[in-house]
């Protein structure tokens, strides 16, 4: 599929307009080079979801730091391709680190026998668990969903945002708000007999 219109925008003019914060210039850049950036990212990450994240990061970078592109050193097409490739490689490295960390944790859990809790510790753990579940149940559903994905399903806030179909910023805010509420609730637990 060809990128954008038959004739791509003139880099110097587009760059000048981006520097002045003209949103139409960003839209033109995306129309002209969005599919190219996505293709480069898919080729490296082998994931359409990751490629969409990479493309968002690339165009957000272009929008927030238009001075990073220098028209005298090459074309916008080449610069965006290079930036997409770098961001995609960073994503792959991050995923690899995450996989290694998970594998190391699983290996450590299999090789180190866990000592059984004492009866007192078991009772305390059960009370903590009840308090946590009670506090989670009182969170609004949107916050509870993000907490579940982030802490019980092992997703990042970005992955949670994709699964819930919400902006990343919204997912991050919901998670931060939920954690603050849980911390306050658990710091000052109800007295015995007051559990809901």
N, C-alpha and C. Protein backbone atom coordinates (compact mmCIF):
# COMPACT_ATOMS: atom_id res chain seq x y z
N UNK A 1 0.86 -1.19 0.00
CA UNK A 1 0.00 0.00 0.00
C UNK A 1 0.89 1.24 0.00
N UNK A 2 0.70 2.16 -0.92
CA UNK A 2 1.57 3.35 -0.97
C UNK A 2 1.36 4.24 0.22
N UNK A 3 2.39 4.97 0.56
CA UNK A 3 2.32 5.91 1.67
C UNK A 3 1.65 7.18 1.22
N UNK A 4 0.54 7.54 1.84
CA UNK A 4 -0.09 8.85 1.68
C UNK A 4 -0.37 9.23 0.24
N UNK A 5 -0.32 10.51 -0.06
CA UNK A 5 -0.64 11.01 -1.39
C UNK A 5 0.46 10.64 -2.38
N UNK A 6 0.16 10.88 -3.70
CA UNK A 6 1.13 10.54 -4.75
C UNK A 6 2.43 11.30 -4.55
N UNK A 7 2.35 12.56 -4.15
CA UNK A 7 3.55 13.36 -3.92
C UNK A 7 3.67 13.64 -2.42
N UNK A 8 4.75 13.13 -1.78
CA UNK A 8 4.91 13.40 -0.34
C UNK A 8 5.14 14.88 -0.11
N UNK A 9 4.80 15.38 1.09
CA UNK A 9 4.99 16.80 1.38
C UNK A 9 6.46 17.20 1.32
N UNK A 10 6.71 18.45 1.04
CA UNK A 10 8.09 18.96 1.00
C UNK A 10 8.60 19.02 2.43
N UNK A 11 9.73 18.35 2.70
CA UNK A 11 10.24 18.21 4.06
C UNK A 11 10.48 19.55 4.75
N UNK A 12 11.11 20.50 4.06
CA UNK A 12 11.45 21.78 4.70
C UNK A 12 10.20 22.52 5.13
N UNK A 13 9.20 22.54 4.26
CA UNK A 13 7.95 23.23 4.58
C UNK A 13 7.23 22.52 5.73
N UNK A 14 7.15 21.21 5.64
CA UNK A 14 6.49 20.42 6.68
C UNK A 14 7.21 20.62 8.02
N UNK A 15 8.51 20.59 8.00
CA UNK A 15 9.30 20.77 9.22
C UNK A 15 9.04 22.14 9.84
N UNK A 16 9.04 23.18 9.00
CA UNK A 16 8.78 24.53 9.50
C UNK A 16 7.41 24.59 10.17
N UNK A 17 6.41 23.99 9.56
CA UNK A 17 5.06 24.00 10.12
C UNK A 17 4.98 23.20 11.42
N UNK A 18 5.73 22.10 11.50
CA UNK A 18 5.76 21.31 12.74
C UNK A 18 6.40 22.12 13.87
N UNK A 19 7.47 22.82 13.55
CA UNK A 19 8.15 23.65 14.54
C UNK A 19 7.19 24.71 15.09
N UNK A 20 6.32 25.23 14.23
CA UNK A 20 5.34 26.23 14.67
C UNK A 20 4.12 25.60 15.34
N UNK A 21 4.11 24.27 15.47
CA UNK A 21 3.03 23.60 16.18
C UNK A 21 1.74 23.47 15.38
N UNK A 22 1.85 23.37 14.09
CA UNK A 22 0.65 23.27 13.24
C UNK A 22 0.21 21.80 13.19
N UNK A 23 -0.95 21.53 13.77
CA UNK A 23 -1.44 20.16 13.86
C UNK A 23 -1.67 19.54 12.49
N UNK A 24 -2.07 20.34 11.52
CA UNK A 24 -2.30 19.83 10.16
C UNK A 24 -1.00 19.26 9.59
N UNK A 25 0.14 19.83 9.97
CA UNK A 25 1.42 19.34 9.48
C UNK A 25 1.69 17.93 10.03
N UNK A 26 1.34 17.70 11.29
CA UNK A 26 1.51 16.36 11.86
C UNK A 26 0.60 15.38 11.14
N UNK A 27 -0.63 15.79 10.86
CA UNK A 27 -1.56 14.92 10.15
C UNK A 27 -1.02 14.58 8.76
N UNK A 28 -0.42 15.55 8.09
CA UNK A 28 0.16 15.30 6.77
C UNK A 28 1.33 14.33 6.87
N UNK A 29 2.17 14.53 7.87
CA UNK A 29 3.32 13.63 8.05
C UNK A 29 2.83 12.20 8.31
N UNK A 30 1.80 12.08 9.12
CA UNK A 30 1.26 10.76 9.42
C UNK A 30 0.64 10.13 8.18
N UNK A 31 -0.11 10.93 7.42
CA UNK A 31 -0.72 10.41 6.20
C UNK A 31 0.34 9.96 5.20
N UNK A 32 1.43 10.69 5.12
CA UNK A 32 2.47 10.38 4.15
C UNK A 32 3.35 9.21 4.60
N UNK A 33 3.65 9.13 5.90
CA UNK A 33 4.65 8.17 6.35
C UNK A 33 4.18 7.19 7.42
N UNK A 34 2.92 7.28 7.83
CA UNK A 34 2.41 6.41 8.89
C UNK A 34 2.53 4.93 8.58
N UNK A 35 2.14 4.54 7.37
CA UNK A 35 2.20 3.11 7.04
C UNK A 35 3.65 2.64 6.92
N UNK A 36 4.54 3.50 6.46
CA UNK A 36 5.97 3.15 6.39
C UNK A 36 6.51 2.87 7.80
N UNK A 37 6.22 3.79 8.72
CA UNK A 37 6.69 3.63 10.11
C UNK A 37 6.13 2.33 10.70
N UNK A 38 4.86 2.06 10.45
CA UNK A 38 4.22 0.85 10.97
C UNK A 38 4.89 -0.39 10.37
N UNK A 39 5.15 -0.39 9.06
CA UNK A 39 5.79 -1.54 8.41
C UNK A 39 7.18 -1.81 9.00
N UNK A 40 7.96 -0.75 9.19
CA UNK A 40 9.30 -0.91 9.78
C UNK A 40 9.17 -1.53 11.17
N UNK A 41 8.25 -1.04 11.95
CA UNK A 41 8.07 -1.54 13.33
C UNK A 41 7.60 -2.99 13.34
N UNK A 42 6.68 -3.35 12.44
CA UNK A 42 6.20 -4.74 12.38
C UNK A 42 7.34 -5.68 11.99
N UNK A 43 8.16 -5.23 11.04
CA UNK A 43 9.27 -6.06 10.58
C UNK A 43 10.22 -6.38 11.75
N UNK A 44 10.43 -5.43 12.64
CA UNK A 44 11.36 -5.65 13.76
C UNK A 44 10.67 -6.37 14.92
N UNK A 45 9.47 -5.92 15.31
CA UNK A 45 8.81 -6.47 16.50
C UNK A 45 8.03 -7.74 16.23
N UNK A 46 7.60 -7.92 14.97
CA UNK A 46 6.74 -9.04 14.58
C UNK A 46 5.41 -9.01 15.34
N UNK A 47 4.97 -7.82 15.68
CA UNK A 47 3.72 -7.65 16.42
C UNK A 47 3.02 -6.37 15.94
N UNK A 48 1.77 -6.52 15.49
CA UNK A 48 1.04 -5.33 15.05
C UNK A 48 0.71 -4.40 16.21
N UNK A 49 0.41 -4.98 17.37
CA UNK A 49 0.11 -4.15 18.55
C UNK A 49 1.34 -3.35 18.96
N UNK A 50 2.50 -4.01 19.01
CA UNK A 50 3.74 -3.31 19.35
C UNK A 50 4.06 -2.26 18.31
N UNK A 51 3.82 -2.59 17.03
CA UNK A 51 4.11 -1.64 15.95
C UNK A 51 3.24 -0.39 16.07
N UNK A 52 2.00 -0.55 16.50
CA UNK A 52 1.14 0.62 16.71
C UNK A 52 1.69 1.50 17.84
N UNK A 53 2.17 0.86 18.90
CA UNK A 53 2.78 1.62 20.00
C UNK A 53 4.01 2.37 19.52
N UNK A 54 4.84 1.68 18.74
CA UNK A 54 6.06 2.30 18.21
C UNK A 54 5.69 3.48 17.32
N UNK A 55 4.70 3.30 16.44
CA UNK A 55 4.29 4.39 15.53
C UNK A 55 3.81 5.59 16.34
N UNK A 56 3.03 5.34 17.39
CA UNK A 56 2.56 6.45 18.24
C UNK A 56 3.75 7.17 18.86
N UNK A 57 4.72 6.42 19.34
CA UNK A 57 5.90 7.04 19.96
C UNK A 57 6.68 7.87 18.94
N UNK A 58 6.82 7.35 17.72
CA UNK A 58 7.59 8.04 16.69
C UNK A 58 6.93 9.37 16.35
N UNK A 59 5.61 9.36 16.11
CA UNK A 59 4.94 10.61 15.73
C UNK A 59 4.77 11.56 16.92
N UNK A 60 4.69 10.99 18.13
CA UNK A 60 4.67 11.86 19.32
C UNK A 60 6.03 12.56 19.45
N UNK A 61 7.10 11.83 19.15
CA UNK A 61 8.45 12.41 19.19
C UNK A 61 8.57 13.52 18.15
N UNK A 62 8.07 13.25 16.95
CA UNK A 62 8.12 14.26 15.89
C UNK A 62 7.35 15.51 16.31
N UNK A 63 6.21 15.33 16.95
CA UNK A 63 5.37 16.45 17.36
C UNK A 63 5.99 17.25 18.51
N UNK A 64 6.52 16.53 19.50
CA UNK A 64 7.04 17.23 20.68
C UNK A 64 8.47 17.72 20.49
N UNK A 65 9.22 17.09 19.57
CA UNK A 65 10.61 17.50 19.35
C UNK A 65 10.92 17.64 17.86
N UNK A 66 10.24 18.54 17.17
CA UNK A 66 10.47 18.66 15.73
C UNK A 66 11.89 19.11 15.40
N UNK A 67 12.58 19.75 16.35
CA UNK A 67 13.96 20.19 16.09
C UNK A 67 14.92 19.00 15.97
N UNK A 68 14.52 17.83 16.46
CA UNK A 68 15.40 16.66 16.37
C UNK A 68 15.64 16.26 14.92
N UNK A 69 14.70 16.58 14.04
CA UNK A 69 14.88 16.31 12.61
C UNK A 69 15.57 17.50 11.95
N UNK A 70 16.62 17.19 11.19
CA UNK A 70 17.38 18.23 10.50
C UNK A 70 17.25 18.01 9.00
N UNK A 71 16.52 18.93 8.32
CA UNK A 71 16.28 18.79 6.88
C UNK A 71 17.57 18.75 6.07
N UNK A 72 18.64 19.32 6.60
CA UNK A 72 19.90 19.37 5.85
C UNK A 72 20.63 18.02 5.86
N UNK A 73 20.23 17.14 6.79
CA UNK A 73 20.96 15.87 6.92
C UNK A 73 20.27 14.69 6.26
N UNK A 74 19.07 14.88 5.73
CA UNK A 74 18.38 13.79 5.07
C UNK A 74 16.88 14.04 5.01
N UNK A 75 16.18 13.08 4.43
CA UNK A 75 14.73 13.23 4.25
C UNK A 75 13.98 12.85 5.52
N UNK A 76 12.77 13.38 5.65
CA UNK A 76 11.91 13.04 6.79
C UNK A 76 11.57 11.56 6.73
N UNK A 77 11.36 11.03 5.54
CA UNK A 77 11.04 9.61 5.36
C UNK A 77 12.15 8.74 5.97
N UNK A 78 13.40 9.06 5.65
CA UNK A 78 14.53 8.29 6.16
C UNK A 78 14.65 8.45 7.67
N UNK A 79 14.48 9.66 8.16
CA UNK A 79 14.60 9.92 9.60
C UNK A 79 13.52 9.17 10.38
N UNK A 80 12.28 9.22 9.89
CA UNK A 80 11.19 8.52 10.58
C UNK A 80 11.41 7.01 10.55
N UNK A 81 11.92 6.48 9.42
CA UNK A 81 12.21 5.04 9.32
C UNK A 81 13.27 4.64 10.35
N UNK A 82 14.32 5.46 10.44
CA UNK A 82 15.41 5.18 11.38
C UNK A 82 14.88 5.23 12.82
N UNK A 83 14.07 6.25 13.12
CA UNK A 83 13.51 6.39 14.46
C UNK A 83 12.59 5.21 14.79
N UNK A 84 11.78 4.79 13.83
CA UNK A 84 10.89 3.64 14.03
C UNK A 84 11.71 2.38 14.29
N UNK A 85 12.78 2.21 13.54
CA UNK A 85 13.63 1.03 13.73
C UNK A 85 14.25 1.03 15.13
N UNK A 86 14.77 2.19 15.57
CA UNK A 86 15.37 2.28 16.91
C UNK A 86 14.36 1.96 18.00
N UNK A 87 13.17 2.59 17.88
CA UNK A 87 12.14 2.37 18.91
C UNK A 87 11.69 0.91 18.92
N UNK A 88 11.58 0.31 17.74
CA UNK A 88 11.17 -1.10 17.67
C UNK A 88 12.23 -2.01 18.28
N UNK A 89 13.49 -1.73 18.02
CA UNK A 89 14.58 -2.51 18.63
C UNK A 89 14.54 -2.36 20.15
N UNK A 90 14.30 -1.14 20.63
CA UNK A 90 14.17 -0.92 22.08
C UNK A 90 13.04 -1.76 22.65
N UNK A 91 11.92 -1.83 21.92
CA UNK A 91 10.78 -2.62 22.38
C UNK A 91 11.16 -4.10 22.47
N UNK A 92 11.83 -4.61 21.43
CA UNK A 92 12.24 -6.02 21.41
C UNK A 92 13.19 -6.31 22.57
N UNK A 93 14.15 -5.42 22.80
CA UNK A 93 15.08 -5.61 23.92
C UNK A 93 14.36 -5.60 25.26
N UNK A 94 13.39 -4.70 25.40
CA UNK A 94 12.61 -4.65 26.63
C UNK A 94 11.82 -5.92 26.86
N UNK A 95 11.22 -6.44 25.78
CA UNK A 95 10.47 -7.70 25.89
C UNK A 95 11.40 -8.85 26.27
N UNK A 96 12.60 -8.87 25.67
CA UNK A 96 13.57 -9.92 25.97
C UNK A 96 14.00 -9.85 27.43
N UNK A 97 14.26 -8.63 27.94
CA UNK A 97 14.62 -8.47 29.36
C UNK A 97 13.49 -8.97 30.25
N UNK A 98 12.26 -8.62 29.86
CA UNK A 98 11.09 -9.03 30.65
C UNK A 98 10.98 -10.56 30.67
N UNK A 99 11.15 -11.19 29.50
CA UNK A 99 11.07 -12.66 29.44
C UNK A 99 12.16 -13.30 30.29
N UNK A 100 13.37 -12.75 30.23
CA UNK A 100 14.47 -13.32 31.03
C UNK A 100 14.20 -13.16 32.51
N UNK A 101 13.67 -12.01 32.89
CA UNK A 101 13.37 -11.77 34.31
C UNK A 101 12.28 -12.73 34.80
N UNK A 102 11.25 -12.93 33.99
CA UNK A 102 10.17 -13.85 34.36
C UNK A 102 10.72 -15.27 34.47
N UNK A 103 11.55 -15.65 33.51
CA UNK A 103 12.13 -17.00 33.53
C UNK A 103 13.02 -17.18 34.77
N UNK A 104 13.83 -16.17 35.07
CA UNK A 104 14.70 -16.24 36.25
C UNK A 104 13.87 -16.36 37.53
N UNK A 105 12.77 -15.59 37.60
CA UNK A 105 11.90 -15.67 38.77
C UNK A 105 11.28 -17.05 38.90
N UNK A 106 10.81 -17.61 37.77
CA UNK A 106 10.19 -18.93 37.80
C UNK A 106 11.21 -19.99 38.20
N UNK A 107 12.44 -19.87 37.66
CA UNK A 107 13.50 -20.82 38.02
C UNK A 107 13.82 -20.73 39.50
N UNK A 108 13.93 -19.51 40.01
CA UNK A 108 14.23 -19.33 41.43
C UNK A 108 13.13 -19.92 42.31
N UNK A 109 11.88 -19.73 41.88
CA UNK A 109 10.78 -20.28 42.67
C UNK A 109 10.79 -21.80 42.68
N UNK A 110 11.21 -22.41 41.57
CA UNK A 110 11.25 -23.88 41.51
C UNK A 110 12.41 -24.45 42.31
N UNK A 111 13.53 -23.71 42.36
CA UNK A 111 14.72 -24.28 43.00
C UNK A 111 14.82 -24.00 44.50
N UNK A 112 14.16 -22.97 44.98
CA UNK A 112 14.24 -22.64 46.41
C UNK A 112 12.95 -23.12 47.08
N UNK A 113 13.07 -24.10 47.97
CA UNK A 113 11.86 -24.56 48.66
C UNK A 113 11.34 -23.47 49.61
N UNK A 114 10.06 -23.22 49.51
CA UNK A 114 9.47 -22.20 50.37
C UNK A 114 9.13 -22.80 51.72
N UNK A 115 9.62 -22.19 52.80
CA UNK A 115 9.28 -22.72 54.12
C UNK A 115 7.80 -22.44 54.40
N UNK A 116 7.18 -23.38 55.07
CA UNK A 116 5.76 -23.20 55.40
C UNK A 116 5.60 -22.13 56.47
N UNK A 117 4.51 -21.37 56.38
CA UNK A 117 4.29 -20.32 57.38
C UNK A 117 3.90 -20.93 58.73
N UNK A 118 4.25 -20.19 59.76
CA UNK A 118 3.82 -20.63 61.10
C UNK A 118 2.32 -20.38 61.20
N UNK A 119 1.65 -20.98 62.19
CA UNK A 119 0.20 -20.75 62.34
C UNK A 119 -0.14 -19.27 62.50
N UNK A 120 0.68 -18.53 63.27
CA UNK A 120 0.42 -17.09 63.45
C UNK A 120 0.55 -16.34 62.13
N UNK A 121 1.61 -16.68 61.37
CA UNK A 121 1.82 -16.03 60.08
C UNK A 121 0.68 -16.35 59.11
N UNK A 122 0.18 -17.59 59.15
CA UNK A 122 -0.91 -17.98 58.27
C UNK A 122 -2.17 -17.17 58.57
N UNK A 123 -2.45 -16.96 59.86
CA UNK A 123 -3.62 -16.18 60.25
C UNK A 123 -3.46 -14.73 59.79
N UNK A 124 -2.26 -14.15 60.03
CA UNK A 124 -2.00 -12.77 59.59
C UNK A 124 -2.14 -12.63 58.08
N UNK A 125 -1.60 -13.61 57.35
CA UNK A 125 -1.66 -13.56 55.89
C UNK A 125 -3.11 -13.63 55.42
N UNK A 126 -3.91 -14.46 56.07
CA UNK A 126 -5.31 -14.57 55.70
C UNK A 126 -6.04 -13.25 55.97
N UNK A 127 -5.74 -12.60 57.09
CA UNK A 127 -6.36 -11.31 57.40
C UNK A 127 -5.94 -10.24 56.38
N UNK A 128 -4.64 -10.24 56.03
CA UNK A 128 -4.17 -9.28 55.01
C UNK A 128 -4.87 -9.51 53.67
N UNK A 129 -5.02 -10.78 53.33
CA UNK A 129 -5.67 -11.11 52.07
C UNK A 129 -7.12 -10.64 52.06
N UNK A 130 -7.82 -10.84 53.17
CA UNK A 130 -9.21 -10.39 53.28
C UNK A 130 -9.29 -8.87 53.16
N UNK A 131 -8.37 -8.17 53.85
CA UNK A 131 -8.35 -6.70 53.78
C UNK A 131 -8.10 -6.23 52.35
N UNK A 132 -7.14 -6.86 51.67
CA UNK A 132 -6.82 -6.46 50.31
C UNK A 132 -8.01 -6.70 49.38
N UNK A 133 -8.60 -7.88 49.47
CA UNK A 133 -9.75 -8.18 48.60
C UNK A 133 -10.93 -7.25 48.88
N UNK A 134 -11.12 -6.93 50.15
CA UNK A 134 -12.18 -6.00 50.53
C UNK A 134 -11.91 -4.61 49.94
N UNK A 135 -10.66 -4.16 50.05
CA UNK A 135 -10.29 -2.84 49.51
C UNK A 135 -10.43 -2.82 48.00
N UNK A 136 -10.02 -3.90 47.34
CA UNK A 136 -10.16 -3.99 45.87
C UNK A 136 -11.63 -3.94 45.45
N UNK A 137 -12.46 -4.63 46.20
CA UNK A 137 -13.89 -4.69 45.86
C UNK A 137 -14.55 -3.31 45.95
N UNK A 138 -14.00 -2.42 46.80
CA UNK A 138 -14.59 -1.08 46.95
C UNK A 138 -14.13 -0.10 45.88
N UNK A 139 -13.11 -0.47 45.09
CA UNK A 139 -12.66 0.42 44.02
C UNK A 139 -13.71 0.50 42.92
N UNK A 140 -13.81 1.63 42.24
CA UNK A 140 -14.70 1.70 41.08
C UNK A 140 -14.24 0.69 40.02
N UNK A 141 -15.17 0.16 39.26
CA UNK A 141 -14.88 -0.89 38.28
C UNK A 141 -13.74 -0.52 37.33
N UNK A 142 -13.70 0.70 36.75
CA UNK A 142 -12.60 1.00 35.82
C UNK A 142 -11.22 0.89 36.47
N UNK A 143 -11.11 1.31 37.74
CA UNK A 143 -9.82 1.20 38.45
C UNK A 143 -9.51 -0.26 38.75
N UNK A 144 -10.55 -1.00 39.16
CA UNK A 144 -10.37 -2.41 39.50
C UNK A 144 -9.87 -3.20 38.28
N UNK A 145 -10.40 -2.87 37.10
CA UNK A 145 -10.00 -3.57 35.87
C UNK A 145 -8.51 -3.36 35.60
N UNK A 146 -8.05 -2.11 35.71
CA UNK A 146 -6.64 -1.82 35.44
C UNK A 146 -5.74 -2.50 36.47
N UNK A 147 -6.12 -2.47 37.74
CA UNK A 147 -5.34 -3.13 38.79
C UNK A 147 -5.26 -4.63 38.52
N UNK A 148 -6.40 -5.23 38.15
CA UNK A 148 -6.42 -6.67 37.86
C UNK A 148 -5.44 -7.01 36.73
N UNK A 149 -5.51 -6.24 35.63
CA UNK A 149 -4.63 -6.52 34.50
C UNK A 149 -3.16 -6.30 34.86
N UNK A 150 -2.88 -5.23 35.61
CA UNK A 150 -1.48 -4.89 35.93
C UNK A 150 -0.88 -5.83 36.97
N UNK A 151 -1.65 -6.21 38.01
CA UNK A 151 -1.05 -6.95 39.11
C UNK A 151 -1.41 -8.43 39.16
N UNK A 152 -2.53 -8.81 38.55
CA UNK A 152 -2.90 -10.21 38.60
C UNK A 152 -2.72 -10.89 37.25
N UNK A 153 -2.72 -10.11 36.17
CA UNK A 153 -2.52 -10.69 34.84
C UNK A 153 -1.15 -10.32 34.27
N UNK A 154 -0.35 -9.53 35.01
CA UNK A 154 1.02 -9.24 34.59
C UNK A 154 1.17 -8.31 33.40
N UNK A 155 0.18 -7.46 33.14
CA UNK A 155 0.27 -6.55 31.99
C UNK A 155 0.90 -5.22 32.42
N UNK A 156 1.54 -4.55 31.47
CA UNK A 156 2.00 -3.18 31.72
C UNK A 156 0.79 -2.27 31.58
N UNK A 157 0.92 -1.00 32.02
CA UNK A 157 -0.24 -0.10 31.87
C UNK A 157 -0.53 0.12 30.39
N UNK A 158 0.49 0.06 29.54
CA UNK A 158 0.25 0.22 28.09
C UNK A 158 -0.56 -0.95 27.55
N UNK A 159 -0.19 -2.17 27.95
CA UNK A 159 -0.93 -3.34 27.50
C UNK A 159 -2.36 -3.32 28.05
N UNK A 160 -2.50 -2.89 29.30
CA UNK A 160 -3.84 -2.79 29.89
C UNK A 160 -4.69 -1.79 29.11
N UNK A 161 -4.09 -0.67 28.72
CA UNK A 161 -4.81 0.34 27.95
C UNK A 161 -5.31 -0.24 26.64
N UNK A 162 -4.47 -1.01 25.96
CA UNK A 162 -4.86 -1.63 24.68
C UNK A 162 -6.01 -2.60 24.92
N UNK A 163 -5.90 -3.45 25.94
CA UNK A 163 -6.95 -4.44 26.20
C UNK A 163 -8.27 -3.80 26.58
N UNK A 164 -8.20 -2.69 27.31
CA UNK A 164 -9.43 -2.02 27.75
C UNK A 164 -9.93 -1.01 26.73
N UNK A 165 -9.12 -0.73 25.70
CA UNK A 165 -9.53 0.22 24.67
C UNK A 165 -9.58 1.66 25.17
N UNK A 166 -8.63 2.00 26.04
CA UNK A 166 -8.58 3.35 26.59
C UNK A 166 -7.20 3.94 26.33
N UNK A 167 -7.06 5.28 26.39
CA UNK A 167 -5.74 5.89 26.20
C UNK A 167 -4.77 5.47 27.32
N UNK A 168 -3.47 5.43 26.98
CA UNK A 168 -2.46 5.05 27.96
C UNK A 168 -2.49 5.95 29.18
N UNK A 169 -2.65 7.25 28.96
CA UNK A 169 -2.69 8.19 30.07
C UNK A 169 -3.83 7.89 31.03
N UNK A 170 -4.97 7.49 30.48
CA UNK A 170 -6.13 7.14 31.31
C UNK A 170 -5.82 5.90 32.14
N UNK A 171 -5.22 4.90 31.50
CA UNK A 171 -4.86 3.68 32.23
C UNK A 171 -3.89 3.98 33.36
N UNK A 172 -2.91 4.81 33.07
CA UNK A 172 -1.89 5.16 34.07
C UNK A 172 -2.53 5.91 35.24
N UNK A 173 -3.42 6.86 34.93
CA UNK A 173 -4.09 7.63 35.97
C UNK A 173 -4.98 6.73 36.83
N UNK A 174 -5.74 5.84 36.19
CA UNK A 174 -6.60 4.93 36.96
C UNK A 174 -5.78 4.03 37.87
N UNK A 175 -4.66 3.53 37.35
CA UNK A 175 -3.82 2.66 38.16
C UNK A 175 -3.22 3.43 39.33
N UNK A 176 -2.72 4.63 39.08
CA UNK A 176 -2.11 5.45 40.15
C UNK A 176 -3.16 5.78 41.22
N UNK A 177 -4.36 6.18 40.78
CA UNK A 177 -5.43 6.52 41.72
C UNK A 177 -5.83 5.31 42.55
N UNK A 178 -5.96 4.15 41.89
CA UNK A 178 -6.34 2.93 42.60
C UNK A 178 -5.29 2.54 43.63
N UNK A 179 -4.02 2.64 43.26
CA UNK A 179 -2.95 2.27 44.20
C UNK A 179 -2.91 3.21 45.40
N UNK A 180 -3.15 4.50 45.13
CA UNK A 180 -3.17 5.47 46.23
C UNK A 180 -4.33 5.13 47.19
N UNK A 181 -5.49 4.85 46.63
CA UNK A 181 -6.67 4.51 47.45
C UNK A 181 -6.40 3.24 48.26
N UNK A 182 -5.82 2.23 47.60
CA UNK A 182 -5.53 0.97 48.31
C UNK A 182 -4.52 1.20 49.44
N UNK A 183 -3.50 2.00 49.15
CA UNK A 183 -2.49 2.27 50.18
C UNK A 183 -3.11 2.96 51.39
N UNK A 184 -3.99 3.93 51.13
CA UNK A 184 -4.65 4.64 52.24
C UNK A 184 -5.56 3.69 53.01
N UNK A 185 -6.31 2.86 52.29
CA UNK A 185 -7.23 1.93 52.95
C UNK A 185 -6.47 0.92 53.79
N UNK A 186 -5.39 0.38 53.22
CA UNK A 186 -4.64 -0.66 53.94
C UNK A 186 -3.77 -0.09 55.05
N UNK A 187 -3.42 1.19 54.96
CA UNK A 187 -2.65 1.83 56.02
C UNK A 187 -3.51 2.03 57.27
N UNK A 188 -4.81 2.18 57.07
CA UNK A 188 -5.73 2.41 58.17
C UNK A 188 -6.86 1.38 58.07
N UNK A 189 -6.56 0.07 58.33
CA UNK A 189 -7.57 -0.98 58.14
C UNK A 189 -8.70 -0.85 59.16
N UNK A 190 -9.89 -1.35 58.79
CA UNK A 190 -11.01 -1.31 59.73
C UNK A 190 -10.74 -2.24 60.92
N UNK A 191 -11.39 -1.95 62.01
CA UNK A 191 -11.25 -2.81 63.21
C UNK A 191 -11.92 -4.14 62.95
N UNK A 192 -11.54 -5.14 63.74
CA UNK A 192 -12.17 -6.47 63.62
C UNK A 192 -13.69 -6.32 63.70
N UNK A 193 -14.35 -7.10 62.90
CA UNK A 193 -15.82 -7.05 62.90
C UNK A 193 -16.36 -5.99 61.97
N UNK A 194 -15.47 -5.11 61.42
CA UNK A 194 -15.95 -4.07 60.51
C UNK A 194 -15.71 -4.42 59.04
N UNK A 195 -15.14 -5.61 58.77
CA UNK A 195 -14.94 -6.00 57.40
C UNK A 195 -16.28 -6.12 56.71
N UNK A 196 -16.37 -5.63 55.47
CA UNK A 196 -17.67 -5.73 54.77
C UNK A 196 -17.99 -7.15 54.42
